[in-house]
């Protein structure tokens, strides 16, 4: 009975200390395509993030965006680097100046992710993007990347649990949000220590159990 109880305790400790998701998550914002609503959920490996569209923002080039109005999203599939998430209302269906696509990454952060890799598309000569982290929908928060010009090349952004909203805006012309990915969380040293303690306790319990059975 004691051995069974010890095994149960070990199992609980193992699952409590394990990362919330196993394997990476990868979000492709070109799917679904076409006109979408003002928000759209995306799920990968049981983790869901939500995108929100905004326009008419106050602020501008490298200046925090505030007072934004909800705007319909658009999944663009035009080939090459012209695939990703933009906004309705223009012939390009992309994210323009004084506009923003904002991602709610709360679930991803709660699952253990501490950083993500982003890819931005349709970045032509003279065009670029800013990336923001904030704690309120419709307001960009603080800039973490300014004047970005990478086209279709992934770059890393560290996450902050106090600012779970990641915003992408254009500082010149228009761009697309192509993809987001997060690696497998690595257990913290404290978590590994907890698991090791559980294994030692389990082994000690079994030893006592076998010793009592032998008497």
N, C-alpha and C. Protein backbone atom coordinates (compact mmCIF):
# COMPACT_ATOMS: atom_id res chain seq x y z
N UNK A 1 0.83 -1.21 0.00
CA UNK A 1 0.00 0.00 0.00
C UNK A 1 0.87 1.27 0.00
N UNK A 2 1.95 1.23 0.84
CA UNK A 2 2.83 2.39 0.90
C UNK A 2 3.52 2.62 -0.44
N UNK A 3 3.91 1.52 -1.11
CA UNK A 3 4.58 1.66 -2.41
C UNK A 3 3.63 2.27 -3.43
N UNK A 4 2.36 1.86 -3.42
CA UNK A 4 1.39 2.40 -4.36
C UNK A 4 1.17 3.89 -4.09
N UNK A 5 1.12 4.25 -2.79
CA UNK A 5 0.93 5.66 -2.46
C UNK A 5 2.12 6.49 -2.92
N UNK A 6 3.32 5.94 -2.72
CA UNK A 6 4.52 6.66 -3.16
C UNK A 6 4.54 6.85 -4.66
N UNK A 7 4.10 5.83 -5.39
CA UNK A 7 4.04 5.94 -6.84
C UNK A 7 3.06 7.01 -7.27
N UNK A 8 1.93 7.10 -6.56
CA UNK A 8 0.92 8.13 -6.88
C UNK A 8 1.48 9.52 -6.65
N UNK A 9 2.18 9.68 -5.51
CA UNK A 9 2.78 10.99 -5.21
C UNK A 9 3.79 11.37 -6.26
N UNK A 10 4.63 10.41 -6.67
CA UNK A 10 5.63 10.68 -7.69
C UNK A 10 4.99 11.09 -9.00
N UNK A 11 3.92 10.41 -9.37
CA UNK A 11 3.23 10.75 -10.61
C UNK A 11 2.69 12.16 -10.60
N UNK A 12 2.09 12.56 -9.49
CA UNK A 12 1.56 13.92 -9.35
C UNK A 12 2.68 14.94 -9.46
N UNK A 13 3.81 14.67 -8.78
CA UNK A 13 4.94 15.60 -8.82
C UNK A 13 5.51 15.70 -10.23
N UNK A 14 5.55 14.58 -10.95
CA UNK A 14 6.10 14.60 -12.30
C UNK A 14 5.26 15.46 -13.23
N UNK A 15 3.96 15.25 -13.21
CA UNK A 15 3.09 16.02 -14.11
C UNK A 15 3.01 17.48 -13.72
N UNK A 16 3.12 17.76 -12.43
CA UNK A 16 3.09 19.16 -11.99
C UNK A 16 4.34 19.89 -12.41
N UNK A 17 5.47 19.16 -12.49
CA UNK A 17 6.73 19.82 -12.82
C UNK A 17 7.02 19.83 -14.30
N UNK A 18 6.26 19.06 -15.11
CA UNK A 18 6.52 18.99 -16.55
C UNK A 18 6.08 20.28 -17.23
N UNK A 19 6.71 20.65 -18.37
CA UNK A 19 6.27 21.81 -19.14
C UNK A 19 4.82 21.65 -19.57
N UNK A 20 4.13 22.76 -19.76
CA UNK A 20 2.71 22.69 -20.08
C UNK A 20 2.47 22.14 -21.48
N UNK A 21 3.41 22.27 -22.38
CA UNK A 21 3.25 21.64 -23.70
C UNK A 21 4.57 21.05 -24.15
N UNK A 22 4.47 19.95 -24.87
CA UNK A 22 5.66 19.26 -25.35
C UNK A 22 5.80 19.51 -26.84
N UNK A 23 6.97 19.91 -27.28
CA UNK A 23 7.17 20.21 -28.69
C UNK A 23 6.91 21.68 -28.96
N UNK A 24 7.36 22.15 -30.11
CA UNK A 24 7.22 23.56 -30.45
C UNK A 24 5.82 23.87 -30.95
N UNK A 25 5.49 25.15 -30.95
CA UNK A 25 4.24 25.61 -31.55
C UNK A 25 4.60 26.48 -32.74
N UNK A 26 3.81 26.36 -33.80
CA UNK A 26 4.08 27.11 -35.03
C UNK A 26 2.75 27.63 -35.59
N UNK A 27 2.68 28.93 -35.76
CA UNK A 27 1.46 29.56 -36.26
C UNK A 27 1.72 30.19 -37.62
N UNK A 28 0.91 29.80 -38.61
CA UNK A 28 1.00 30.35 -39.96
C UNK A 28 -0.20 31.27 -40.16
N UNK A 29 0.06 32.56 -40.28
CA UNK A 29 -1.04 33.52 -40.30
C UNK A 29 -1.67 33.72 -41.68
N UNK A 30 -1.21 32.97 -42.68
CA UNK A 30 -1.86 33.03 -43.99
C UNK A 30 -3.14 32.17 -44.03
N UNK A 31 -3.31 31.35 -43.00
CA UNK A 31 -4.47 30.46 -42.91
C UNK A 31 -5.19 30.71 -41.59
N UNK A 32 -6.51 30.94 -41.62
CA UNK A 32 -7.40 30.97 -42.79
C UNK A 32 -7.18 32.22 -43.63
N UNK A 33 -7.56 32.11 -44.92
CA UNK A 33 -7.39 33.21 -45.84
C UNK A 33 -8.65 34.03 -46.02
N UNK A 34 -8.48 35.19 -46.65
CA UNK A 34 -9.61 36.06 -46.95
C UNK A 34 -9.98 36.96 -45.79
N UNK A 35 -11.13 37.63 -45.95
CA UNK A 35 -11.59 38.58 -44.93
C UNK A 35 -11.98 37.84 -43.66
N UNK A 36 -11.51 38.34 -42.52
CA UNK A 36 -11.80 37.77 -41.22
C UNK A 36 -12.47 38.84 -40.36
N UNK A 37 -12.80 38.50 -39.15
CA UNK A 37 -13.38 39.47 -38.24
C UNK A 37 -12.31 40.34 -37.59
N UNK A 38 -12.69 41.09 -36.58
CA UNK A 38 -11.74 41.94 -35.87
C UNK A 38 -10.80 41.13 -34.98
N UNK A 39 -11.13 39.85 -34.78
CA UNK A 39 -10.23 38.96 -34.04
C UNK A 39 -10.26 37.58 -34.68
N UNK A 40 -9.17 36.84 -34.52
CA UNK A 40 -9.07 35.50 -35.09
C UNK A 40 -8.18 34.65 -34.20
N UNK A 41 -8.68 33.47 -33.83
CA UNK A 41 -7.91 32.55 -32.99
C UNK A 41 -7.09 31.60 -33.86
N UNK A 42 -5.90 31.28 -33.38
CA UNK A 42 -5.00 30.33 -34.05
C UNK A 42 -4.51 29.33 -33.00
N UNK A 43 -4.54 28.04 -33.36
CA UNK A 43 -4.16 26.99 -32.41
C UNK A 43 -3.06 26.12 -32.98
N UNK A 44 -2.06 25.83 -32.15
CA UNK A 44 -0.98 24.92 -32.52
C UNK A 44 -0.59 24.13 -31.28
N UNK A 45 -0.54 22.81 -31.41
CA UNK A 45 -0.13 21.95 -30.30
C UNK A 45 -0.90 22.26 -29.02
N UNK A 46 -2.21 22.44 -29.18
CA UNK A 46 -3.15 22.68 -28.07
C UNK A 46 -3.00 24.04 -27.41
N UNK A 47 -2.19 24.93 -27.98
CA UNK A 47 -2.05 26.29 -27.46
C UNK A 47 -2.72 27.26 -28.42
N UNK A 48 -3.60 28.11 -27.90
CA UNK A 48 -4.33 29.06 -28.72
C UNK A 48 -3.88 30.49 -28.44
N UNK A 49 -3.59 31.23 -29.51
CA UNK A 49 -3.33 32.66 -29.40
C UNK A 49 -4.40 33.37 -30.24
N UNK A 50 -4.62 34.64 -29.98
CA UNK A 50 -5.65 35.38 -30.69
C UNK A 50 -5.08 36.66 -31.28
N UNK A 51 -5.38 36.90 -32.55
CA UNK A 51 -4.94 38.13 -33.23
C UNK A 51 -6.09 39.13 -33.27
N UNK A 52 -5.76 40.41 -33.13
CA UNK A 52 -6.74 41.50 -33.19
C UNK A 52 -6.25 42.54 -34.20
N UNK A 53 -7.19 43.09 -34.96
CA UNK A 53 -6.86 44.12 -35.93
C UNK A 53 -7.24 45.50 -35.44
N UNK A 54 -6.37 46.49 -35.71
CA UNK A 54 -6.61 47.87 -35.26
C UNK A 54 -6.21 48.86 -36.35
N UNK A 55 -6.92 49.99 -36.40
CA UNK A 55 -6.57 51.06 -37.33
C UNK A 55 -6.96 52.39 -36.70
N UNK A 56 -6.60 53.49 -37.40
CA UNK A 56 -6.93 54.82 -36.89
C UNK A 56 -6.23 55.15 -35.60
N UNK A 57 -5.05 54.56 -35.39
CA UNK A 57 -4.32 54.77 -34.14
C UNK A 57 -3.65 56.15 -34.10
N UNK A 58 -3.58 56.72 -32.92
CA UNK A 58 -2.78 57.92 -32.72
C UNK A 58 -1.34 57.48 -32.45
N UNK A 59 -0.39 58.31 -32.81
CA UNK A 59 1.01 57.93 -32.71
C UNK A 59 1.58 57.84 -34.11
N UNK A 60 2.57 56.99 -34.29
CA UNK A 60 3.13 56.89 -35.63
C UNK A 60 4.48 56.24 -35.62
N UNK A 61 5.38 56.76 -36.42
CA UNK A 61 6.70 56.16 -36.61
C UNK A 61 7.46 56.12 -35.29
N UNK A 62 7.69 54.91 -34.79
CA UNK A 62 8.42 54.69 -33.55
C UNK A 62 7.79 55.38 -32.34
N UNK A 63 6.54 55.77 -32.46
CA UNK A 63 5.82 56.40 -31.36
C UNK A 63 4.66 55.48 -30.99
N UNK A 64 4.48 55.25 -29.69
CA UNK A 64 3.46 54.31 -29.21
C UNK A 64 2.10 54.62 -29.82
N UNK A 65 1.40 53.57 -30.22
CA UNK A 65 0.07 53.70 -30.81
C UNK A 65 -0.99 53.59 -29.73
N UNK A 66 -1.93 54.53 -29.72
CA UNK A 66 -3.01 54.53 -28.73
C UNK A 66 -4.32 54.88 -29.42
N UNK A 67 -5.41 54.68 -28.72
CA UNK A 67 -6.72 55.08 -29.23
C UNK A 67 -7.12 54.38 -30.51
N UNK A 68 -6.66 53.16 -30.73
CA UNK A 68 -6.96 52.44 -31.98
C UNK A 68 -8.41 51.96 -32.00
N UNK A 69 -8.95 51.85 -33.21
CA UNK A 69 -10.30 51.32 -33.41
C UNK A 69 -10.21 49.93 -34.01
N UNK A 70 -11.10 49.04 -33.59
CA UNK A 70 -11.09 47.66 -34.09
C UNK A 70 -11.26 47.65 -35.61
N UNK A 71 -10.52 46.76 -36.28
CA UNK A 71 -10.53 46.71 -37.74
C UNK A 71 -10.44 45.24 -38.17
N UNK A 72 -11.14 44.89 -39.24
CA UNK A 72 -11.17 43.50 -39.71
C UNK A 72 -9.81 43.05 -40.22
N UNK A 73 -9.44 41.84 -39.85
CA UNK A 73 -8.22 41.21 -40.30
C UNK A 73 -8.39 40.60 -41.68
N UNK A 74 -7.26 40.27 -42.31
CA UNK A 74 -7.31 39.64 -43.64
C UNK A 74 -6.14 38.66 -43.78
N UNK A 75 -6.46 37.41 -44.13
CA UNK A 75 -5.44 36.41 -44.39
C UNK A 75 -5.06 36.44 -45.86
N UNK A 76 -3.83 36.88 -46.14
CA UNK A 76 -3.42 37.09 -47.54
C UNK A 76 -2.58 35.90 -48.03
N UNK A 77 -2.92 35.42 -49.22
CA UNK A 77 -2.18 34.34 -49.87
C UNK A 77 -1.92 34.72 -51.32
N UNK A 78 -0.86 35.47 -51.56
CA UNK A 78 -0.57 35.95 -52.91
C UNK A 78 0.76 35.42 -53.44
N UNK A 79 1.36 34.45 -52.73
CA UNK A 79 2.61 33.85 -53.18
C UNK A 79 3.83 34.63 -52.76
N UNK A 80 4.99 33.98 -52.84
CA UNK A 80 6.25 34.63 -52.46
C UNK A 80 6.22 35.09 -51.02
N UNK A 81 6.61 36.36 -50.80
CA UNK A 81 6.57 36.89 -49.44
C UNK A 81 5.27 37.65 -49.16
N UNK A 82 4.28 37.44 -50.04
CA UNK A 82 3.00 38.12 -49.91
C UNK A 82 1.96 37.21 -49.25
N UNK A 83 2.38 36.51 -48.21
CA UNK A 83 1.49 35.63 -47.45
C UNK A 83 1.56 36.00 -45.99
N UNK A 84 0.40 36.14 -45.36
CA UNK A 84 0.39 36.46 -43.95
C UNK A 84 -0.87 37.21 -43.55
N UNK A 85 -0.82 37.79 -42.37
CA UNK A 85 -1.99 38.45 -41.80
C UNK A 85 -1.87 39.96 -41.97
N UNK A 86 -2.90 40.53 -42.57
CA UNK A 86 -2.97 41.98 -42.74
C UNK A 86 -4.34 42.47 -42.32
N UNK A 87 -4.78 43.56 -42.94
CA UNK A 87 -6.07 44.17 -42.62
C UNK A 87 -6.84 44.44 -43.90
N UNK A 88 -8.16 44.44 -43.79
CA UNK A 88 -9.00 44.78 -44.93
C UNK A 88 -8.96 46.30 -45.16
N UNK A 89 -9.50 46.72 -46.31
CA UNK A 89 -9.67 48.15 -46.54
C UNK A 89 -8.70 48.77 -47.51
N UNK A 90 -7.75 47.97 -48.01
CA UNK A 90 -6.83 48.50 -49.02
C UNK A 90 -6.61 47.42 -50.08
N UNK A 91 -6.06 47.82 -51.21
CA UNK A 91 -5.83 46.86 -52.29
C UNK A 91 -4.76 45.84 -51.93
N UNK A 92 -3.86 46.22 -51.00
CA UNK A 92 -2.78 45.31 -50.61
C UNK A 92 -3.17 44.39 -49.46
N UNK A 93 -4.22 44.73 -48.72
CA UNK A 93 -4.66 43.94 -47.56
C UNK A 93 -3.52 43.70 -46.56
N UNK A 94 -2.77 44.75 -46.27
CA UNK A 94 -1.64 44.63 -45.37
C UNK A 94 -1.77 45.58 -44.19
N UNK A 95 -0.78 45.55 -43.30
CA UNK A 95 -0.78 46.41 -42.12
C UNK A 95 -0.08 47.72 -42.50
N UNK A 96 -0.83 48.81 -42.52
CA UNK A 96 -0.27 50.09 -42.90
C UNK A 96 0.16 50.91 -41.70
N UNK A 97 0.57 52.15 -41.96
CA UNK A 97 0.94 53.05 -40.88
C UNK A 97 -0.31 53.43 -40.09
N UNK A 98 -0.13 53.70 -38.80
CA UNK A 98 -1.24 53.97 -37.87
C UNK A 98 -2.23 52.82 -37.81
N UNK A 99 -1.72 51.62 -38.11
CA UNK A 99 -2.50 50.39 -37.97
C UNK A 99 -1.65 49.38 -37.20
N UNK A 100 -2.31 48.34 -36.70
CA UNK A 100 -1.58 47.35 -35.91
C UNK A 100 -2.34 46.03 -35.89
N UNK A 101 -1.58 44.94 -35.95
CA UNK A 101 -2.11 43.63 -35.61
C UNK A 101 -1.51 43.27 -34.26
N UNK A 102 -2.36 42.93 -33.32
CA UNK A 102 -1.93 42.67 -31.96
C UNK A 102 -2.25 41.22 -31.60
N UNK A 103 -1.28 40.52 -31.03
CA UNK A 103 -1.44 39.12 -30.66
C UNK A 103 -1.54 38.98 -29.14
N UNK A 104 -2.57 38.29 -28.68
CA UNK A 104 -2.69 37.97 -27.26
C UNK A 104 -1.96 36.65 -27.03
N UNK A 105 -0.81 36.71 -26.37
CA UNK A 105 0.03 35.53 -26.15
C UNK A 105 -0.08 35.00 -24.72
N UNK A 106 -1.15 35.35 -24.04
CA UNK A 106 -1.32 34.92 -22.64
C UNK A 106 -1.20 33.41 -22.49
N UNK A 107 -1.91 32.66 -23.32
CA UNK A 107 -1.89 31.20 -23.20
C UNK A 107 -0.50 30.64 -23.49
N UNK A 108 0.20 31.23 -24.42
CA UNK A 108 1.54 30.76 -24.77
C UNK A 108 2.51 31.02 -23.61
N UNK A 109 2.40 32.18 -23.00
CA UNK A 109 3.25 32.51 -21.85
C UNK A 109 2.93 31.58 -20.69
N UNK A 110 1.64 31.34 -20.44
CA UNK A 110 1.24 30.44 -19.36
C UNK A 110 1.71 29.01 -19.61
N UNK A 111 1.89 28.66 -20.88
CA UNK A 111 2.36 27.32 -21.22
C UNK A 111 3.86 27.17 -21.03
N UNK A 112 4.56 28.26 -20.72
CA UNK A 112 5.98 28.18 -20.42
C UNK A 112 6.90 28.85 -21.41
N UNK A 113 6.37 29.43 -22.48
CA UNK A 113 7.24 30.07 -23.47
C UNK A 113 7.80 31.37 -22.92
N UNK A 114 9.09 31.59 -23.14
CA UNK A 114 9.74 32.82 -22.69
C UNK A 114 10.20 33.68 -23.87
N UNK A 115 10.09 33.15 -25.08
CA UNK A 115 10.44 33.92 -26.27
C UNK A 115 9.72 33.32 -27.47
N UNK A 116 9.63 34.10 -28.54
CA UNK A 116 9.04 33.63 -29.79
C UNK A 116 9.92 34.09 -30.94
N UNK A 117 9.77 33.43 -32.07
CA UNK A 117 10.39 33.91 -33.30
C UNK A 117 9.29 34.37 -34.23
N UNK A 118 9.46 35.56 -34.77
CA UNK A 118 8.49 36.16 -35.69
C UNK A 118 9.09 36.24 -37.08
N UNK A 119 8.22 36.22 -38.09
CA UNK A 119 8.63 36.52 -39.45
C UNK A 119 7.64 37.52 -40.03
N UNK A 120 8.16 38.57 -40.65
CA UNK A 120 7.35 39.61 -41.27
C UNK A 120 7.58 39.54 -42.78
N UNK A 121 6.50 39.64 -43.54
CA UNK A 121 6.62 39.55 -44.99
C UNK A 121 6.23 40.83 -45.70
N UNK A 122 6.41 40.84 -47.02
CA UNK A 122 6.09 41.96 -47.88
C UNK A 122 6.81 43.24 -47.46
N UNK A 123 8.06 43.08 -47.01
CA UNK A 123 8.88 44.24 -46.62
C UNK A 123 9.72 44.63 -47.83
N UNK A 124 9.25 45.61 -48.56
CA UNK A 124 9.94 46.07 -49.76
C UNK A 124 10.97 47.16 -49.40
N UNK A 125 11.75 47.56 -50.37
CA UNK A 125 12.73 48.62 -50.14
C UNK A 125 12.04 49.89 -49.62
N UNK A 126 12.53 50.42 -48.55
CA UNK A 126 11.95 51.63 -47.96
C UNK A 126 10.83 51.36 -46.99
N UNK A 127 10.45 50.09 -46.83
CA UNK A 127 9.38 49.73 -45.90
C UNK A 127 9.99 49.10 -44.65
N UNK A 128 9.20 49.04 -43.58
CA UNK A 128 9.70 48.43 -42.34
C UNK A 128 8.60 48.31 -41.30
N UNK A 129 8.97 47.78 -40.15
CA UNK A 129 7.98 47.48 -39.11
C UNK A 129 8.55 47.79 -37.73
N UNK A 130 7.62 47.97 -36.78
CA UNK A 130 7.94 48.08 -35.36
C UNK A 130 7.22 46.94 -34.64
N UNK A 131 7.82 46.44 -33.57
CA UNK A 131 7.22 45.40 -32.74
C UNK A 131 7.09 45.94 -31.33
N UNK A 132 5.92 45.71 -30.74
CA UNK A 132 5.60 46.30 -29.44
C UNK A 132 5.16 45.23 -28.45
N UNK A 133 5.34 45.52 -27.15
CA UNK A 133 4.79 44.69 -26.08
C UNK A 133 3.98 45.58 -25.15
N UNK A 134 2.74 45.17 -24.88
CA UNK A 134 1.87 45.97 -24.02
C UNK A 134 0.96 45.11 -23.19
N UNK A 135 0.17 45.76 -22.34
CA UNK A 135 -0.75 45.04 -21.45
C UNK A 135 -2.20 45.41 -21.68
N UNK A 136 -2.49 46.08 -22.80
CA UNK A 136 -3.87 46.46 -23.08
C UNK A 136 -4.15 46.36 -24.58
N UNK A 137 -5.31 45.85 -24.92
CA UNK A 137 -5.71 45.78 -26.32
C UNK A 137 -5.97 47.19 -26.85
N UNK A 138 -5.52 47.44 -28.09
CA UNK A 138 -5.76 48.73 -28.72
C UNK A 138 -4.72 49.77 -28.42
N UNK A 139 -3.74 49.43 -27.56
CA UNK A 139 -2.61 50.31 -27.27
C UNK A 139 -1.34 49.50 -27.42
N UNK A 140 -0.36 50.03 -28.12
CA UNK A 140 0.80 49.22 -28.47
C UNK A 140 1.70 48.89 -27.29
N UNK A 141 1.80 49.79 -26.32
CA UNK A 141 2.76 49.59 -25.26
C UNK A 141 4.14 50.08 -25.68
N UNK A 142 5.19 49.40 -25.23
CA UNK A 142 6.57 49.83 -25.48
C UNK A 142 7.17 49.09 -26.67
N UNK A 143 8.00 49.78 -27.42
CA UNK A 143 8.66 49.18 -28.58
C UNK A 143 9.78 48.26 -28.13
N UNK A 144 9.83 47.06 -28.71
CA UNK A 144 10.94 46.14 -28.46
C UNK A 144 11.82 46.02 -29.70
N UNK A 145 11.28 46.35 -30.87
CA UNK A 145 12.05 46.42 -32.11
C UNK A 145 11.54 47.61 -32.90
N UNK A 146 12.43 48.46 -33.37
CA UNK A 146 12.04 49.59 -34.20
C UNK A 146 12.81 49.54 -35.52
N UNK A 147 12.16 50.03 -36.56
CA UNK A 147 12.77 50.13 -37.89
C UNK A 147 13.25 48.78 -38.42
N UNK A 148 12.49 47.72 -38.14
CA UNK A 148 12.86 46.41 -38.65
C UNK A 148 12.68 46.33 -40.15
N UNK A 149 13.61 45.65 -40.83
CA UNK A 149 13.54 45.55 -42.29
C UNK A 149 13.71 44.12 -42.80
N UNK A 150 13.79 43.13 -41.92
CA UNK A 150 13.94 41.75 -42.36
C UNK A 150 12.68 41.30 -43.10
N UNK A 151 12.85 40.71 -44.26
CA UNK A 151 11.71 40.25 -45.05
C UNK A 151 11.69 38.73 -45.07
N UNK A 152 10.73 38.14 -44.36
CA UNK A 152 10.60 36.69 -44.35
C UNK A 152 11.68 35.98 -43.57
N UNK A 153 12.47 36.70 -42.81
CA UNK A 153 13.54 36.11 -42.01
C UNK A 153 13.16 36.16 -40.53
N UNK A 154 13.15 35.01 -39.88
CA UNK A 154 12.70 34.94 -38.50
C UNK A 154 13.66 35.66 -37.56
N UNK A 155 13.13 36.34 -36.56
CA UNK A 155 13.91 36.99 -35.52
C UNK A 155 13.24 36.72 -34.18
N UNK A 156 14.01 36.84 -33.10
CA UNK A 156 13.53 36.46 -31.78
C UNK A 156 13.08 37.66 -30.97
N UNK A 157 11.97 37.47 -30.25
CA UNK A 157 11.45 38.48 -29.32
C UNK A 157 11.24 37.81 -27.97
N UNK A 158 11.83 38.37 -26.92
CA UNK A 158 11.62 37.85 -25.57
C UNK A 158 10.23 38.25 -25.08
N UNK A 159 9.61 37.36 -24.29
CA UNK A 159 8.26 37.61 -23.80
C UNK A 159 8.29 38.10 -22.35
N UNK A 160 7.27 38.87 -22.02
CA UNK A 160 7.14 39.43 -20.68
C UNK A 160 5.72 39.14 -20.20
N UNK A 161 5.59 38.40 -19.12
CA UNK A 161 4.26 38.00 -18.64
C UNK A 161 3.40 39.19 -18.25
N UNK A 162 4.03 40.32 -17.92
CA UNK A 162 3.26 41.52 -17.56
C UNK A 162 2.74 42.26 -18.79
N UNK A 163 3.31 41.95 -19.96
CA UNK A 163 2.89 42.59 -21.21
C UNK A 163 2.63 41.49 -22.26
N UNK A 164 1.49 40.81 -22.15
CA UNK A 164 1.25 39.63 -22.99
C UNK A 164 0.79 39.94 -24.41
N UNK A 165 0.57 41.24 -24.72
CA UNK A 165 0.10 41.60 -26.06
C UNK A 165 1.27 42.04 -26.93
N UNK A 166 1.47 41.32 -28.04
CA UNK A 166 2.56 41.62 -28.97
C UNK A 166 1.97 42.31 -30.20
N UNK A 167 2.40 43.54 -30.46
CA UNK A 167 1.86 44.32 -31.57
C UNK A 167 2.84 44.45 -32.71
N UNK A 168 2.32 44.42 -33.93
CA UNK A 168 3.14 44.61 -35.14
C UNK A 168 2.53 45.74 -35.95
N UNK A 169 3.32 46.76 -36.25
CA UNK A 169 2.84 47.89 -37.04
C UNK A 169 3.87 48.25 -38.10
N UNK A 170 3.45 48.99 -39.11
CA UNK A 170 4.36 49.44 -40.17
C UNK A 170 4.81 50.87 -39.87
N UNK A 171 6.11 51.13 -39.99
CA UNK A 171 6.56 52.50 -39.84
C UNK A 171 6.64 53.20 -41.19
N UNK A 172 6.56 52.41 -42.29
CA UNK A 172 6.55 52.99 -43.63
C UNK A 172 5.82 52.03 -44.55
N UNK A 173 4.87 52.55 -45.31
CA UNK A 173 4.09 51.76 -46.27
C UNK A 173 3.33 50.65 -45.56
N UNK A 174 3.49 49.38 -45.99
CA UNK A 174 2.69 48.30 -45.39
C UNK A 174 3.45 46.98 -45.40
N UNK A 175 3.08 46.11 -44.42
CA UNK A 175 3.77 44.84 -44.24
C UNK A 175 2.75 43.77 -43.83
N UNK A 176 3.20 42.51 -43.73
CA UNK A 176 2.35 41.40 -43.31
C UNK A 176 2.99 40.67 -42.13
N UNK A 177 2.16 40.16 -41.23
CA UNK A 177 2.64 39.25 -40.18
C UNK A 177 2.57 37.84 -40.74
N UNK A 178 3.72 37.19 -40.93
CA UNK A 178 3.77 35.91 -41.62
C UNK A 178 3.62 34.72 -40.68
N UNK A 179 4.44 34.66 -39.64
CA UNK A 179 4.42 33.48 -38.77
C UNK A 179 4.96 33.80 -37.39
N UNK A 180 4.66 32.90 -36.46
CA UNK A 180 5.17 32.97 -35.10
C UNK A 180 5.43 31.56 -34.62
N UNK A 181 6.54 31.34 -33.95
CA UNK A 181 6.87 30.02 -33.41
C UNK A 181 7.49 30.19 -32.03
N UNK A 182 7.35 29.15 -31.22
CA UNK A 182 7.98 29.13 -29.90
C UNK A 182 8.58 27.76 -29.67
N UNK A 183 9.78 27.70 -29.08
CA UNK A 183 10.43 26.41 -28.84
C UNK A 183 9.84 25.70 -27.64
N UNK A 184 10.25 24.45 -27.46
CA UNK A 184 9.83 23.67 -26.29
C UNK A 184 10.38 24.32 -25.03
N UNK A 185 9.53 24.57 -24.02
CA UNK A 185 10.04 25.13 -22.77
C UNK A 185 11.02 24.16 -22.11
N UNK A 186 12.07 24.70 -21.48
CA UNK A 186 13.04 23.88 -20.75
C UNK A 186 12.74 23.98 -19.27
N UNK A 187 12.61 22.85 -18.56
CA UNK A 187 12.32 22.91 -17.13
C UNK A 187 13.38 23.72 -16.39
N UNK A 188 12.94 24.54 -15.44
CA UNK A 188 13.87 25.36 -14.67
C UNK A 188 14.64 24.48 -13.69
N UNK A 189 15.83 24.92 -13.21
CA UNK A 189 16.60 24.12 -12.25
C UNK A 189 15.79 23.71 -11.03
N UNK A 190 14.92 24.61 -10.55
CA UNK A 190 14.09 24.27 -9.40
C UNK A 190 13.14 23.13 -9.70
N UNK A 191 12.62 23.11 -10.92
CA UNK A 191 11.72 22.04 -11.33
C UNK A 191 12.46 20.71 -11.38
N UNK A 192 13.68 20.73 -11.93
CA UNK A 192 14.48 19.52 -12.01
C UNK A 192 14.83 19.02 -10.60
N UNK A 193 15.11 19.95 -9.69
CA UNK A 193 15.42 19.56 -8.32
C UNK A 193 14.22 18.90 -7.66
N UNK A 194 13.03 19.47 -7.92
CA UNK A 194 11.81 18.90 -7.37
C UNK A 194 11.59 17.49 -7.88
N UNK A 195 11.81 17.28 -9.17
CA UNK A 195 11.64 15.96 -9.74
C UNK A 195 12.66 14.99 -9.15
N UNK A 196 13.92 15.44 -8.97
CA UNK A 196 14.94 14.58 -8.38
C UNK A 196 14.59 14.19 -6.95
N UNK A 197 14.08 15.15 -6.18
CA UNK A 197 13.66 14.86 -4.82
C UNK A 197 12.56 13.82 -4.79
N UNK A 198 11.62 13.95 -5.73
CA UNK A 198 10.53 12.98 -5.81
C UNK A 198 11.04 11.58 -6.11
N UNK A 199 12.00 11.49 -7.02
CA UNK A 199 12.56 10.18 -7.36
C UNK A 199 13.29 9.57 -6.17
N UNK A 200 14.04 10.38 -5.42
CA UNK A 200 14.73 9.87 -4.24
C UNK A 200 13.74 9.39 -3.19
N UNK A 201 12.69 10.17 -2.98
CA UNK A 201 11.68 9.78 -2.00
C UNK A 201 10.99 8.48 -2.41
N UNK A 202 10.73 8.36 -3.70
CA UNK A 202 10.09 7.16 -4.21
C UNK A 202 10.99 5.94 -4.00
N UNK A 203 12.29 6.09 -4.31
CA UNK A 203 13.23 4.98 -4.13
C UNK A 203 13.35 4.58 -2.67
N UNK A 204 13.38 5.59 -1.78
CA UNK A 204 13.47 5.29 -0.35
C UNK A 204 12.22 4.55 0.13
N UNK A 205 11.05 4.96 -0.38
CA UNK A 205 9.81 4.30 0.00
C UNK A 205 9.79 2.85 -0.46
N UNK A 206 10.25 2.60 -1.68
CA UNK A 206 10.28 1.22 -2.17
C UNK A 206 11.24 0.37 -1.35
N UNK A 207 12.38 0.96 -0.99
CA UNK A 207 13.36 0.21 -0.19
C UNK A 207 12.76 -0.22 1.14
N UNK A 208 12.06 0.69 1.78
CA UNK A 208 11.43 0.36 3.07
C UNK A 208 10.36 -0.69 2.87
N UNK A 209 9.62 -0.58 1.75
CA UNK A 209 8.57 -1.55 1.49
C UNK A 209 9.13 -2.95 1.30
N UNK A 210 10.21 -3.04 0.50
CA UNK A 210 10.82 -4.35 0.27
C UNK A 210 11.42 -4.90 1.55
N UNK A 211 12.00 -4.03 2.39
CA UNK A 211 12.60 -4.49 3.65
C UNK A 211 11.55 -5.05 4.58
N UNK A 212 10.37 -4.38 4.65
CA UNK A 212 9.30 -4.87 5.53
C UNK A 212 8.72 -6.17 5.03
N UNK A 213 8.66 -6.34 3.71
CA UNK A 213 8.13 -7.58 3.13
C UNK A 213 9.05 -8.75 3.40
N UNK A 214 10.38 -8.45 3.51
CA UNK A 214 11.34 -9.52 3.69
C UNK A 214 11.35 -10.04 5.14
N UNK A 215 10.82 -9.25 6.08
CA UNK A 215 10.82 -9.68 7.49
C UNK A 215 9.78 -10.76 7.73
